[in-house]
Amino acid sequence: MTAAASLDLATVKAHQQATWASGDYAEIATLIVPVAERLSEAADLRAGSTVLDVASGSGNAAISAARLGGVVTGIDFVPTLLERARERARAERLRVDFRLGDAEELAFPDGSFDAVVSVFGSMFAPDHRRAAAELVRVTRPGGTIALASWTPEGFIGSMFKTVASYVQPPPGLASPLLWGTEGHLADLFGSDVAWVHHRRTFTFRFTSAEALVETFASYYGPTLKALETAGSARGALEHDLRELARSWNRLKQPGAIAVPSSYLESVGLRGVSR
């Protein structure tokens, strides 16, 4: 029995849904729009092609694909984020079909899409193998799968490790940061997908370390919930997060900070033999 199979994944997923619905992830997603834009270009999305954005959140990748002329569908399991995504698409007069959906149970026939993308999305599905299998299943033979995943050794990876030192994740649950490693993707997708990987960096920019932590504490569900769960240790966790931000700051002078965080950009072709 796999670690994922031994867990009560329905309970884990319900907890994750509540976590991502807390705060307002759209505020964080606004900061990282360039990641989705870059991934869409790296995937060479074609005008007129059918594109699925998995775990779309407030729609960064879906909207980017629509700007390139794609026929785009976006799915997420948080209704409030889908409403923000629809609002953004309307503001740009873009057609995107945003739907409630689960990354581990994509409600589409086999081979439905020319390209399937996910920006810091599928990596958080509790059952990694099932999520990977669904990405492959709904991509047509010869189609493209494109992922952006935070790496374990980057700033976001370090933030997750700092949080885990105070609030332990469920035992046996695979870390989402594994998706930011080439070896894990090779293990998950096997010969079904031929990958080209690039290590990229996104820089978070804030007026101070305090502002960074306040923003994540207010809007980023995993940080918000961790701080709530930490109880009497909340102050210590906030302190450690501020110190972490300072340690990653690449600007030497006092004041504003620039915190680089690495992610793995993975663009692959789905095999034609599956």
Foldseek 3Di string as FASTA:
>chain_A
DALLVPDPLVVVVVVVLVLQLAFACVVVVVQVLVVLLVQCVVQVQAAAFEEEEEQQQLNSNQLSSQVRRYAAEYEHQHVVRLVNNVVVCVVVVTDYHYDYDDLLDDPDAFQQGLEYEYEQGLLPRQPNLSSLVSRLRNRHAQGKYKYKAFACPWLVVVLVVLLCVQPPDPPSGDHSNCVQDPVVVCVNCPPQKDKDKDKDKDKDKDFALLVVLVSCCRHVSVNVVSLVVSPPCNVVSSVVSSVSQVVQFPDDDPTMGIGITIIMIMMITGHNPD
